[in-house]
PDB file of N, CA and C in Angstrom:
ATOM      1  N   UNK A   1     -15.519 -16.807 -12.132  1.00  0.00           N
ATOM      2  CA  UNK A   1     -15.071 -16.494 -13.467  1.00  0.00           C
ATOM      3  C   UNK A   1     -14.333 -17.681 -14.071  1.00  0.00           C
ATOM      4  N   UNK A   2     -13.447 -18.289 -13.297  1.00  0.00           N
ATOM      5  CA  UNK A   2     -12.680 -19.416 -13.803  1.00  0.00           C
ATOM      6  C   UNK A   2     -13.600 -20.574 -14.167  1.00  0.00           C
ATOM      7  N   UNK A   3     -14.589 -20.835 -13.334  1.00  0.00           N
ATOM      8  CA  UNK A   3     -15.505 -21.937 -13.606  1.00  0.00           C
ATOM      9  C   UNK A   3     -16.253 -21.716 -14.912  1.00  0.00           C
ATOM     10  N   UNK A   4     -16.690 -20.495 -15.175  1.00  0.00           N
ATOM     11  CA  UNK A   4     -17.393 -20.194 -16.424  1.00  0.00           C
ATOM     12  C   UNK A   4     -16.481 -20.411 -17.626  1.00  0.00           C
ATOM     13  N   UNK A   5     -15.228 -20.016 -17.506  1.00  0.00           N
ATOM     14  CA  UNK A   5     -14.279 -20.227 -18.600  1.00  0.00           C
ATOM     15  C   UNK A   5     -14.030 -21.709 -18.833  1.00  0.00           C
ATOM     16  N   UNK A   6     -13.914 -22.465 -17.760  1.00  0.00           N
ATOM     17  CA  UNK A   6     -13.714 -23.906 -17.870  1.00  0.00           C
ATOM     18  C   UNK A   6     -14.895 -24.545 -18.572  1.00  0.00           C
ATOM     19  N   UNK A   7     -16.071 -24.171 -18.184  1.00  0.00           N
ATOM     20  CA  UNK A   7     -17.276 -24.732 -18.818  1.00  0.00           C
ATOM     21  C   UNK A   7     -17.348 -24.371 -20.298  1.00  0.00           C
ATOM     22  N   UNK A   8     -16.920 -23.162 -20.630  1.00  0.00           N
ATOM     23  CA  UNK A   8     -16.933 -22.750 -22.031  1.00  0.00           C
ATOM     24  C   UNK A   8     -15.957 -23.601 -22.841  1.00  0.00           C
ATOM     25  N   UNK A   9     -14.763 -23.824 -22.299  1.00  0.00           N
ATOM     26  CA  UNK A   9     -13.778 -24.650 -22.987  1.00  0.00           C
ATOM     27  C   UNK A   9     -14.272 -26.086 -23.120  1.00  0.00           C
ATOM     28  N   UNK A  10     -14.917 -26.590 -22.084  1.00  0.00           N
ATOM     29  CA  UNK A  10     -15.422 -27.962 -22.130  1.00  0.00           C
ATOM     30  C   UNK A  10     -16.466 -28.110 -23.209  1.00  0.00           C
ATOM     31  N   UNK A  11     -17.293 -27.111 -23.383  1.00  0.00           N
ATOM     32  CA  UNK A  11     -18.350 -27.175 -24.388  1.00  0.00           C
ATOM     33  C   UNK A  11     -17.844 -27.016 -25.808  1.00  0.00           C
ATOM     34  N   UNK A  12     -16.629 -26.528 -25.989  1.00  0.00           N
ATOM     35  CA  UNK A  12     -16.107 -26.261 -27.322  1.00  0.00           C
ATOM     36  C   UNK A  12     -15.468 -27.488 -27.970  1.00  0.00           C
ATOM     37  N   UNK A  13     -15.190 -28.498 -27.204  1.00  0.00           N
ATOM     38  CA  UNK A  13     -14.526 -29.671 -27.771  1.00  0.00           C
ATOM     39  C   UNK A  13     -15.099 -30.942 -27.179  1.00  0.00           C
ATOM     40  N   UNK A  14     -15.099 -31.981 -27.994  1.00  0.00           N
ATOM     41  CA  UNK A  14     -15.562 -33.273 -27.485  1.00  0.00           C
ATOM     42  C   UNK A  14     -14.391 -34.145 -27.063  1.00  0.00           C
ATOM     43  N   UNK A  15     -13.193 -33.738 -27.394  1.00  0.00           N
ATOM     44  CA  UNK A  15     -12.006 -34.490 -27.015  1.00  0.00           C
ATOM     45  C   UNK A  15     -11.660 -34.152 -25.574  1.00  0.00           C
ATOM     46  N   UNK A  16     -11.889 -35.091 -24.663  1.00  0.00           N
ATOM     47  CA  UNK A  16     -11.703 -34.795 -23.241  1.00  0.00           C
ATOM     48  C   UNK A  16     -10.247 -34.523 -22.895  1.00  0.00           C
ATOM     49  N   UNK A  17      -9.292 -35.178 -23.559  1.00  0.00           N
ATOM     50  CA  UNK A  17      -7.882 -34.920 -23.274  1.00  0.00           C
ATOM     51  C   UNK A  17      -7.512 -33.490 -23.665  1.00  0.00           C
ATOM     52  N   UNK A  18      -7.963 -33.060 -24.839  1.00  0.00           N
ATOM     53  CA  UNK A  18      -7.687 -31.703 -25.283  1.00  0.00           C
ATOM     54  C   UNK A  18      -8.372 -30.711 -24.363  1.00  0.00           C
ATOM     55  N   UNK A  19      -9.601 -31.024 -23.985  1.00  0.00           N
ATOM     56  CA  UNK A  19     -10.350 -30.152 -23.088  1.00  0.00           C
ATOM     57  C   UNK A  19      -9.632 -30.022 -21.745  1.00  0.00           C
ATOM     58  N   UNK A  20      -9.149 -31.113 -21.196  1.00  0.00           N
ATOM     59  CA  UNK A  20      -8.442 -31.082 -19.918  1.00  0.00           C
ATOM     60  C   UNK A  20      -7.162 -30.262 -20.032  1.00  0.00           C
ATOM     61  N   UNK A  21      -6.447 -30.412 -21.142  1.00  0.00           N
ATOM     62  CA  UNK A  21      -5.223 -29.647 -21.336  1.00  0.00           C
ATOM     63  C   UNK A  21      -5.523 -28.157 -21.405  1.00  0.00           C
ATOM     64  N   UNK A  22      -6.592 -27.814 -22.081  1.00  0.00           N
ATOM     65  CA  UNK A  22      -6.980 -26.408 -22.170  1.00  0.00           C
ATOM     66  C   UNK A  22      -7.385 -25.868 -20.799  1.00  0.00           C
ATOM     67  N   UNK A  23      -8.096 -26.672 -20.040  1.00  0.00           N
ATOM     68  CA  UNK A  23      -8.513 -26.259 -18.700  1.00  0.00           C
ATOM     69  C   UNK A  23      -7.285 -26.016 -17.829  1.00  0.00           C
ATOM     70  N   UNK A  24      -6.317 -26.918 -17.882  1.00  0.00           N
ATOM     71  CA  UNK A  24      -5.103 -26.744 -17.099  1.00  0.00           C
ATOM     72  C   UNK A  24      -4.324 -25.501 -17.537  1.00  0.00           C
ATOM     73  N   UNK A  25      -4.224 -25.305 -18.849  1.00  0.00           N
ATOM     74  CA  UNK A  25      -3.516 -24.124 -19.355  1.00  0.00           C
ATOM     75  C   UNK A  25      -4.224 -22.852 -18.914  1.00  0.00           C
ATOM     76  N   UNK A  26      -5.533 -22.872 -18.976  1.00  0.00           N
ATOM     77  CA  UNK A  26      -6.313 -21.708 -18.570  1.00  0.00           C
ATOM     78  C   UNK A  26      -6.152 -21.448 -17.069  1.00  0.00           C
ATOM     79  N   UNK A  27      -6.161 -22.505 -16.280  1.00  0.00           N
ATOM     80  CA  UNK A  27      -5.981 -22.351 -14.834  1.00  0.00           C
ATOM     81  C   UNK A  27      -4.595 -21.794 -14.524  1.00  0.00           C
ATOM     82  N   UNK A  28      -3.570 -22.282 -15.234  1.00  0.00           N
ATOM     83  CA  UNK A  28      -2.220 -21.759 -15.023  1.00  0.00           C
ATOM     84  C   UNK A  28      -2.150 -20.282 -15.409  1.00  0.00           C
ATOM     85  N   UNK A  29      -2.797 -19.935 -16.507  1.00  0.00           N
ATOM     86  CA  UNK A  29      -2.826 -18.528 -16.937  1.00  0.00           C
ATOM     87  C   UNK A  29      -3.546 -17.674 -15.903  1.00  0.00           C
ATOM     88  N   UNK A  30      -4.648 -18.171 -15.385  1.00  0.00           N
ATOM     89  CA  UNK A  30      -5.412 -17.451 -14.371  1.00  0.00           C
ATOM     90  C   UNK A  30      -4.565 -17.248 -13.115  1.00  0.00           C
ATOM     91  N   UNK A  31      -3.857 -18.293 -12.672  1.00  0.00           N
ATOM     92  CA  UNK A  31      -3.001 -18.186 -11.485  1.00  0.00           C
ATOM     93  C   UNK A  31      -1.861 -17.215 -11.709  1.00  0.00           C
ATOM     94  N   UNK A  32      -1.246 -17.268 -12.889  1.00  0.00           N
ATOM     95  CA  UNK A  32      -0.156 -16.353 -13.198  1.00  0.00           C
ATOM     96  C   UNK A  32      -0.649 -14.917 -13.223  1.00  0.00           C
ATOM     97  N   UNK A  33      -1.816 -14.711 -13.799  1.00  0.00           N
ATOM     98  CA  UNK A  33      -2.397 -13.367 -13.846  1.00  0.00           C
ATOM     99  C   UNK A  33      -2.665 -12.836 -12.440  1.00  0.00           C
ATOM    100  N   UNK A  34      -3.216 -13.686 -11.579  1.00  0.00           N
ATOM    101  CA  UNK A  34      -3.494 -13.276 -10.196  1.00  0.00           C
ATOM    102  C   UNK A  34      -2.190 -12.976  -9.464  1.00  0.00           C
ATOM    103  N   UNK A  35      -1.167 -13.796  -9.692  1.00  0.00           N
ATOM    104  CA  UNK A  35       0.131 -13.571  -9.059  1.00  0.00           C
ATOM    105  C   UNK A  35       0.726 -12.244  -9.513  1.00  0.00           C
ATOM    106  N   UNK A  36       0.663 -11.966 -10.802  1.00  0.00           N
ATOM    107  CA  UNK A  36       1.183 -10.710 -11.330  1.00  0.00           C
ATOM    108  C   UNK A  36       0.429  -9.517 -10.751  1.00  0.00           C
ATOM    109  N   UNK A  37      -0.872  -9.653 -10.565  1.00  0.00           N
ATOM    110  CA  UNK A  37      -1.645  -8.572  -9.948  1.00  0.00           C
ATOM    111  C   UNK A  37      -1.154  -8.318  -8.524  1.00  0.00           C
ATOM    112  N   UNK A  38      -0.890  -9.371  -7.777  1.00  0.00           N
ATOM    113  CA  UNK A  38      -0.396  -9.216  -6.407  1.00  0.00           C
ATOM    114  C   UNK A  38       0.977  -8.565  -6.395  1.00  0.00           C
ATOM    115  N   UNK A  39       1.835  -8.961  -7.329  1.00  0.00           N
ATOM    116  CA  UNK A  39       3.163  -8.359  -7.412  1.00  0.00           C
ATOM    117  C   UNK A  39       3.042  -6.876  -7.756  1.00  0.00           C
ATOM    118  N   UNK A  40       2.187  -6.545  -8.727  1.00  0.00           N
ATOM    119  CA  UNK A  40       1.974  -5.140  -9.097  1.00  0.00           C
ATOM    120  C   UNK A  40       1.463  -4.328  -7.918  1.00  0.00           C
ATOM    121  N   UNK A  41       0.532  -4.899  -7.165  1.00  0.00           N
ATOM    122  CA  UNK A  41      -0.010  -4.206  -5.993  1.00  0.00           C
ATOM    123  C   UNK A  41       1.071  -3.995  -4.938  1.00  0.00           C
ATOM    124  N   UNK A  42       1.887  -4.996  -4.714  1.00  0.00           N
ATOM    125  CA  UNK A  42       2.962  -4.879  -3.723  1.00  0.00           C
ATOM    126  C   UNK A  42       3.984  -3.831  -4.152  1.00  0.00           C
ATOM    127  N   UNK A  43       4.320  -3.808  -5.446  1.00  0.00           N
ATOM    128  CA  UNK A  43       5.262  -2.806  -5.943  1.00  0.00           C
ATOM    129  C   UNK A  43       4.693  -1.397  -5.814  1.00  0.00           C
ATOM    130  N   UNK A  44       3.418  -1.239  -6.114  1.00  0.00           N
ATOM    131  CA  UNK A  44       2.778   0.077  -5.995  1.00  0.00           C
ATOM    132  C   UNK A  44       2.762   0.528  -4.536  1.00  0.00           C
ATOM    133  N   UNK A  45       2.445  -0.383  -3.631  1.00  0.00           N
ATOM    134  CA  UNK A  45       2.434  -0.052  -2.199  1.00  0.00           C
ATOM    135  C   UNK A  45       3.835   0.318  -1.728  1.00  0.00           C
ATOM    136  N   UNK A  46       4.821  -0.431  -2.177  1.00  0.00           N
ATOM    137  CA  UNK A  46       6.204  -0.125  -1.818  1.00  0.00           C
ATOM    138  C   UNK A  46       6.616   1.239  -2.343  1.00  0.00           C
ATOM    139  N   UNK A  47       6.208   1.564  -3.564  1.00  0.00           N
ATOM    140  CA  UNK A  47       6.529   2.869  -4.150  1.00  0.00           C
ATOM    141  C   UNK A  47       5.872   3.994  -3.354  1.00  0.00           C
ATOM    142  N   UNK A  48       4.602   3.801  -2.973  1.00  0.00           N
ATOM    143  CA  UNK A  48       3.909   4.824  -2.168  1.00  0.00           C
ATOM    144  C   UNK A  48       4.592   5.022  -0.822  1.00  0.00           C
ATOM    145  N   UNK A  49       4.985   3.922  -0.198  1.00  0.00           N
ATOM    146  CA  UNK A  49       5.639   4.019   1.105  1.00  0.00           C
ATOM    147  C   UNK A  49       7.015   4.675   0.980  1.00  0.00           C
ATOM    148  N   UNK A  50       7.739   4.365  -0.076  1.00  0.00           N
ATOM    149  CA  UNK A  50       9.053   4.985  -0.303  1.00  0.00           C
ATOM    150  C   UNK A  50       8.901   6.481  -0.531  1.00  0.00           C
ATOM    151  N   UNK A  51       7.910   6.874  -1.322  1.00  0.00           N
ATOM    152  CA  UNK A  51       7.670   8.297  -1.559  1.00  0.00           C
ATOM    153  C   UNK A  51       7.292   9.007  -0.263  1.00  0.00           C
ATOM    154  N   UNK A  52       6.467   8.354   0.558  1.00  0.00           N
ATOM    155  CA  UNK A  52       6.084   8.936   1.852  1.00  0.00           C
ATOM    156  C   UNK A  52       7.307   9.070   2.748  1.00  0.00           C
ATOM    157  N   UNK A  53       8.147   8.062   2.766  1.00  0.00           N
ATOM    158  CA  UNK A  53       9.352   8.111   3.586  1.00  0.00           C
ATOM    159  C   UNK A  53      10.244   9.278   3.168  1.00  0.00           C
ATOM    160  N   UNK A  54      10.363   9.516   1.866  1.00  0.00           N
ATOM    161  CA  UNK A  54      11.163  10.642   1.383  1.00  0.00           C
ATOM    162  C   UNK A  54      10.551  11.980   1.799  1.00  0.00           C
ATOM    163  N   UNK A  55       9.228  12.096   1.722  1.00  0.00           N
ATOM    164  CA  UNK A  55       8.561  13.339   2.152  1.00  0.00           C
ATOM    165  C   UNK A  55       8.767  13.557   3.647  1.00  0.00           C
ATOM    166  N   UNK A  56       8.601  12.492   4.426  1.00  0.00           N
ATOM    167  CA  UNK A  56       8.730  12.590   5.879  1.00  0.00           C
ATOM    168  C   UNK A  56      10.177  12.924   6.255  1.00  0.00           C
ATOM    169  N   UNK A  57      11.122  12.323   5.563  1.00  0.00           N
ATOM    170  CA  UNK A  57      12.533  12.622   5.828  1.00  0.00           C
ATOM    171  C   UNK A  57      12.832  14.097   5.565  1.00  0.00           C
ATOM    172  N   UNK A  58      12.285  14.634   4.475  1.00  0.00           N
ATOM    173  CA  UNK A  58      12.507  16.050   4.152  1.00  0.00           C
ATOM    174  C   UNK A  58      11.876  16.964   5.201  1.00  0.00           C
ATOM    175  N   UNK A  59      10.759  16.545   5.778  1.00  0.00           N
ATOM    176  CA  UNK A  59      10.056  17.360   6.772  1.00  0.00           C
ATOM    177  C   UNK A  59      10.567  17.143   8.198  1.00  0.00           C
ATOM    178  N   UNK A  60      11.434  16.160   8.392  1.00  0.00           N
ATOM    179  CA  UNK A  60      11.862  15.773   9.740  1.00  0.00           C
ATOM    180  C   UNK A  60      12.460  16.909  10.568  1.00  0.00           C
ATOM    181  N   UNK A  61      13.341  17.750  10.020  1.00  0.00           N
ATOM    182  CA  UNK A  61      13.900  18.820  10.869  1.00  0.00           C
ATOM    183  C   UNK A  61      12.817  19.765  11.420  1.00  0.00           C
ATOM    184  N   UNK A  62      11.896  20.175  10.562  1.00  0.00           N
ATOM    185  CA  UNK A  62      10.819  21.063  11.020  1.00  0.00           C
ATOM    186  C   UNK A  62       9.887  20.321  11.976  1.00  0.00           C
ATOM    187  N   UNK A  63       9.631  19.069  11.691  1.00  0.00           N
ATOM    188  CA  UNK A  63       8.776  18.253  12.544  1.00  0.00           C
ATOM    189  C   UNK A  63       9.386  18.130  13.946  1.00  0.00           C
ATOM    190  N   UNK A  64      10.682  17.888  14.015  1.00  0.00           N
ATOM    191  CA  UNK A  64      11.358  17.773  15.311  1.00  0.00           C
ATOM    192  C   UNK A  64      11.336  19.100  16.063  1.00  0.00           C
ATOM    193  N   UNK A  65      11.456  20.194  15.329  1.00  0.00           N
ATOM    194  CA  UNK A  65      11.369  21.517  15.968  1.00  0.00           C
ATOM    195  C   UNK A  65       9.980  21.713  16.572  1.00  0.00           C
ATOM    196  N   UNK A  66       8.940  21.325  15.827  1.00  0.00           N
ATOM    197  CA  UNK A  66       7.563  21.461  16.329  1.00  0.00           C
ATOM    198  C   UNK A  66       7.340  20.568  17.547  1.00  0.00           C
ATOM    199  N   UNK A  67       7.936  19.388  17.552  1.00  0.00           N
ATOM    200  CA  UNK A  67       7.796  18.501  18.720  1.00  0.00           C
ATOM    201  C   UNK A  67       8.414  19.132  19.970  1.00  0.00           C
ATOM    202  N   UNK A  68       9.493  19.852  19.792  1.00  0.00           N
ATOM    203  CA  UNK A  68      10.104  20.534  20.951  1.00  0.00           C
ATOM    204  C   UNK A  68       9.228  21.690  21.431  1.00  0.00           C
ATOM    205  N   UNK A  69       8.603  22.397  20.472  1.00  0.00           N
ATOM    206  CA  UNK A  69       7.752  23.532  20.838  1.00  0.00           C
ATOM    207  C   UNK A  69       6.397  23.110  21.396  1.00  0.00           C
ATOM    208  N   UNK A  70       5.890  21.974  20.967  1.00  0.00           N
ATOM    209  CA  UNK A  70       4.571  21.487  21.383  1.00  0.00           C
ATOM    210  C   UNK A  70       4.685  20.054  21.895  1.00  0.00           C
ATOM    211  N   UNK A  71       5.332  19.859  23.032  1.00  0.00           N
ATOM    212  CA  UNK A  71       5.522  18.499  23.551  1.00  0.00           C
ATOM    213  C   UNK A  71       4.209  17.895  24.051  1.00  0.00           C
ATOM    214  N   UNK A  72       4.207  16.570  24.111  1.00  0.00           N
ATOM    215  CA  UNK A  72       3.092  15.857  24.724  1.00  0.00           C
ATOM    216  C   UNK A  72       1.888  15.625  23.831  1.00  0.00           C
ATOM    217  N   UNK A  73       1.975  15.957  22.568  1.00  0.00           N
ATOM    218  CA  UNK A  73       0.841  15.708  21.664  1.00  0.00           C
ATOM    219  C   UNK A  73       0.819  14.221  21.330  1.00  0.00           C
ATOM    220  N   UNK A  74      -0.364  13.630  21.363  1.00  0.00           N
ATOM    221  CA  UNK A  74      -0.448  12.176  21.202  1.00  0.00           C
ATOM    222  C   UNK A  74      -0.391  11.723  19.743  1.00  0.00           C
ATOM    223  N   UNK A  75      -0.734  12.589  18.818  1.00  0.00           N
ATOM    224  CA  UNK A  75      -0.673  12.210  17.406  1.00  0.00           C
ATOM    225  C   UNK A  75       0.000  13.310  16.597  1.00  0.00           C
ATOM    226  N   UNK A  76       0.445  12.943  15.442  1.00  0.00           N
ATOM    227  CA  UNK A  76       1.064  13.914  14.535  1.00  0.00           C
ATOM    228  C   UNK A  76       0.049  14.961  14.107  1.00  0.00           C
ATOM    229  N   UNK A  77      -1.164  14.533  13.817  1.00  0.00           N
ATOM    230  CA  UNK A  77      -2.208  15.495  13.424  1.00  0.00           C
ATOM    231  C   UNK A  77      -2.474  16.507  14.548  1.00  0.00           C
ATOM    232  N   UNK A  78      -2.504  16.024  15.776  1.00  0.00           N
ATOM    233  CA  UNK A  78      -2.716  16.921  16.917  1.00  0.00           C
ATOM    234  C   UNK A  78      -1.563  17.918  17.024  1.00  0.00           C
ATOM    235  N   UNK A  79      -0.348  17.445  16.854  1.00  0.00           N
ATOM    236  CA  UNK A  79       0.821  18.315  16.897  1.00  0.00           C
ATOM    237  C   UNK A  79       0.735  19.397  15.828  1.00  0.00           C
ATOM    238  N   UNK A  80       0.444  18.995  14.606  1.00  0.00           N
ATOM    239  CA  UNK A  80       0.368  19.964  13.504  1.00  0.00           C
ATOM    240  C   UNK A  80      -0.777  20.954  13.709  1.00  0.00           C
ATOM    241  N   UNK A  81      -1.897  20.480  14.194  1.00  0.00           N
ATOM    242  CA  UNK A  81      -3.046  21.365  14.428  1.00  0.00           C
ATOM    243  C   UNK A  81      -2.722  22.397  15.503  1.00  0.00           C
ATOM    244  N   UNK A  82      -2.126  21.946  16.598  1.00  0.00           N
ATOM    245  CA  UNK A  82      -1.779  22.867  17.677  1.00  0.00           C
ATOM    246  C   UNK A  82      -0.720  23.881  17.240  1.00  0.00           C
ATOM    247  N   UNK A  83       0.157  23.464  16.343  1.00  0.00           N
ATOM    248  CA  UNK A  83       1.196  24.364  15.851  1.00  0.00           C
ATOM    249  C   UNK A  83       0.689  25.265  14.723  1.00  0.00           C
ATOM    250  N   UNK A  84      -0.519  24.968  14.226  1.00  0.00           N
ATOM    251  CA  UNK A  84      -1.068  25.748  13.114  1.00  0.00           C
ATOM    252  C   UNK A  84      -0.325  25.527  11.810  1.00  0.00           C
ATOM    253  N   UNK A  85       0.185  24.316  11.637  1.00  0.00           N
ATOM    254  CA  UNK A  85       0.979  23.982  10.458  1.00  0.00           C
ATOM    255  C   UNK A  85       0.206  22.991   9.594  1.00  0.00           C
ATOM    256  N   UNK A  86       0.169  23.257   8.300  1.00  0.00           N
ATOM    257  CA  UNK A  86      -0.540  22.358   7.385  1.00  0.00           C
ATOM    258  C   UNK A  86       0.404  21.279   6.860  1.00  0.00           C
ATOM    259  N   UNK A  87      -0.185  20.202   6.397  1.00  0.00           N
ATOM    260  CA  UNK A  87       0.599  19.140   5.782  1.00  0.00           C
ATOM    261  C   UNK A  87       1.390  19.680   4.598  1.00  0.00           C
ATOM    262  N   UNK A  88       0.702  20.482   3.795  1.00  0.00           N
ATOM    263  CA  UNK A  88       1.303  21.008   2.574  1.00  0.00           C
ATOM    264  C   UNK A  88       2.535  21.863   2.860  1.00  0.00           C
ATOM    265  N   UNK A  89       2.486  22.639   3.947  1.00  0.00           N
ATOM    266  CA  UNK A  89       3.625  23.501   4.253  1.00  0.00           C
ATOM    267  C   UNK A  89       4.875  22.691   4.613  1.00  0.00           C
ATOM    268  N   UNK A  90       4.674  21.454   5.042  1.00  0.00           N
ATOM    269  CA  UNK A  90       5.801  20.568   5.350  1.00  0.00           C
ATOM    270  C   UNK A  90       6.137  19.648   4.180  1.00  0.00           C
ATOM    271  N   UNK A  91       5.358  19.756   3.105  1.00  0.00           N
ATOM    272  CA  UNK A  91       5.572  18.873   1.960  1.00  0.00           C
ATOM    273  C   UNK A  91       5.004  17.483   2.170  1.00  0.00           C
ATOM    274  N   UNK A  92       4.082  17.356   3.138  1.00  0.00           N
ATOM    275  CA  UNK A  92       3.471  16.065   3.428  1.00  0.00           C
ATOM    276  C   UNK A  92       2.134  15.939   2.719  1.00  0.00           C
ATOM    277  N   UNK A  93       1.643  14.717   2.635  1.00  0.00           N
ATOM    278  CA  UNK A  93       0.352  14.439   2.010  1.00  0.00           C
ATOM    279  C   UNK A  93      -0.550  13.712   3.000  1.00  0.00           C
ATOM    280  N   UNK A  94      -1.820  13.620   2.628  1.00  0.00           N
ATOM    281  CA  UNK A  94      -2.775  12.866   3.449  1.00  0.00           C
ATOM    282  C   UNK A  94      -2.231  11.459   3.656  1.00  0.00           C
ATOM    283  N   UNK A  95      -2.358  10.973   4.860  1.00  0.00           N
ATOM    284  CA  UNK A  95      -1.879   9.644   5.201  1.00  0.00           C
ATOM    285  C   UNK A  95      -0.482   9.646   5.809  1.00  0.00           C
ATOM    286  N   UNK A  96       0.312  10.679   5.504  1.00  0.00           N
ATOM    287  CA  UNK A  96       1.666  10.733   6.062  1.00  0.00           C
ATOM    288  C   UNK A  96       1.670  10.844   7.585  1.00  0.00           C
ATOM    289  N   UNK A  97       0.805  11.665   8.192  1.00  0.00           N
ATOM    290  CA  UNK A  97       0.813  11.730   9.658  1.00  0.00           C
ATOM    291  C   UNK A  97       0.527  10.373  10.310  1.00  0.00           C
ATOM    292  N   UNK A  98      -0.366   9.613   9.709  1.00  0.00           N
ATOM    293  CA  UNK A  98      -0.688   8.299  10.262  1.00  0.00           C
ATOM    294  C   UNK A  98       0.504   7.340  10.112  1.00  0.00           C
ATOM    295  N   UNK A  99       1.242   7.479   9.013  1.00  0.00           N
ATOM    296  CA  UNK A  99       2.453   6.658   8.851  1.00  0.00           C
ATOM    297  C   UNK A  99       3.494   7.014   9.906  1.00  0.00           C
ATOM    298  N   UNK A 100       3.653   8.302  10.163  1.00  0.00           N
ATOM    299  CA  UNK A 100       4.590   8.736  11.204  1.00  0.00           C
ATOM    300  C   UNK A 100       4.193   8.120  12.542  1.00  0.00           C
ATOM    301  N   UNK A 101       2.908   8.226  12.877  1.00  0.00           N
ATOM    302  CA  UNK A 101       2.426   7.663  14.150  1.00  0.00           C
ATOM    303  C   UNK A 101       2.634   6.147  14.195  1.00  0.00           C
ATOM    304  N   UNK A 102       2.357   5.478  13.089  1.00  0.00           N
ATOM    305  CA  UNK A 102       2.517   4.020  13.021  1.00  0.00           C
ATOM    306  C   UNK A 102       3.976   3.642  13.212  1.00  0.00           C
ATOM    307  N   UNK A 103       4.871   4.296  12.495  1.00  0.00           N
ATOM    308  CA  UNK A 103       6.297   3.977  12.601  1.00  0.00           C
ATOM    309  C   UNK A 103       6.829   4.280  13.995  1.00  0.00           C
ATOM    310  N   UNK A 104       6.379   5.381  14.589  1.00  0.00           N
ATOM    311  CA  UNK A 104       6.833   5.707  15.940  1.00  0.00           C
ATOM    312  C   UNK A 104       6.346   4.652  16.933  1.00  0.00           C
ATOM    313  N   UNK A 105       5.104   4.220  16.781  1.00  0.00           N
ATOM    314  CA  UNK A 105       4.565   3.195  17.676  1.00  0.00           C
ATOM    315  C   UNK A 105       5.322   1.885  17.510  1.00  0.00           C
ATOM    316  N   UNK A 106       5.626   1.521  16.253  1.00  0.00           N
ATOM    317  CA  UNK A 106       6.370   0.289  16.010  1.00  0.00           C
ATOM    318  C   UNK A 106       7.763   0.333  16.639  1.00  0.00           C
ATOM    319  N   UNK A 107       8.338   1.504  16.714  1.00  0.00           N
ATOM    320  CA  UNK A 107       9.663   1.663  17.318  1.00  0.00           C
ATOM    321  C   UNK A 107       9.591   1.902  18.825  1.00  0.00           C
ATOM    322  N   UNK A 108       8.374   1.990  19.366  1.00  0.00           N
ATOM    323  CA  UNK A 108       8.194   2.198  20.799  1.00  0.00           C
ATOM    324  C   UNK A 108       8.496   3.625  21.232  1.00  0.00           C
ATOM    325  N   UNK A 109       8.420   4.558  20.280  1.00  0.00           N
ATOM    326  CA  UNK A 109       8.685   5.963  20.598  1.00  0.00           C
ATOM    327  C   UNK A 109       7.408   6.608  21.094  1.00  0.00           C
ATOM    328  N   UNK A 110       7.482   7.184  22.290  1.00  0.00           N
ATOM    329  CA  UNK A 110       6.338   7.870  22.897  1.00  0.00           C
ATOM    330  C   UNK A 110       6.650   9.343  22.929  1.00  0.00           C
ATOM    331  N   UNK A 111       5.699  10.155  22.548  1.00  0.00           N
ATOM    332  CA  UNK A 111       5.908  11.606  22.572  1.00  0.00           C
ATOM    333  C   UNK A 111       5.802  12.111  23.991  1.00  0.00           C
TER     334      UNK A 111
END
């Protein structure tokens, strides 16, 4: 995409200095736009993770009770399935069980 824009700018002017300045300005704009997209993506991911953390924190007391009642389950999904408990009943969403498992593994917590 950038190359096509550069070629378009080059074809619009015969003044090579002006053309080069436009190319540089366009490249800087393109880089800034890409950087802003990455920042937006990182902020969105952080927001999703924060929201998940809040849901998991709210469900933690019931989750810990289920772990005591159904020990030895290797995954959160297995624990919930064996307990007959849905994600929704705990206020959790799809992906939250995998986050719980990931965070527990990162902390070296074994069920």
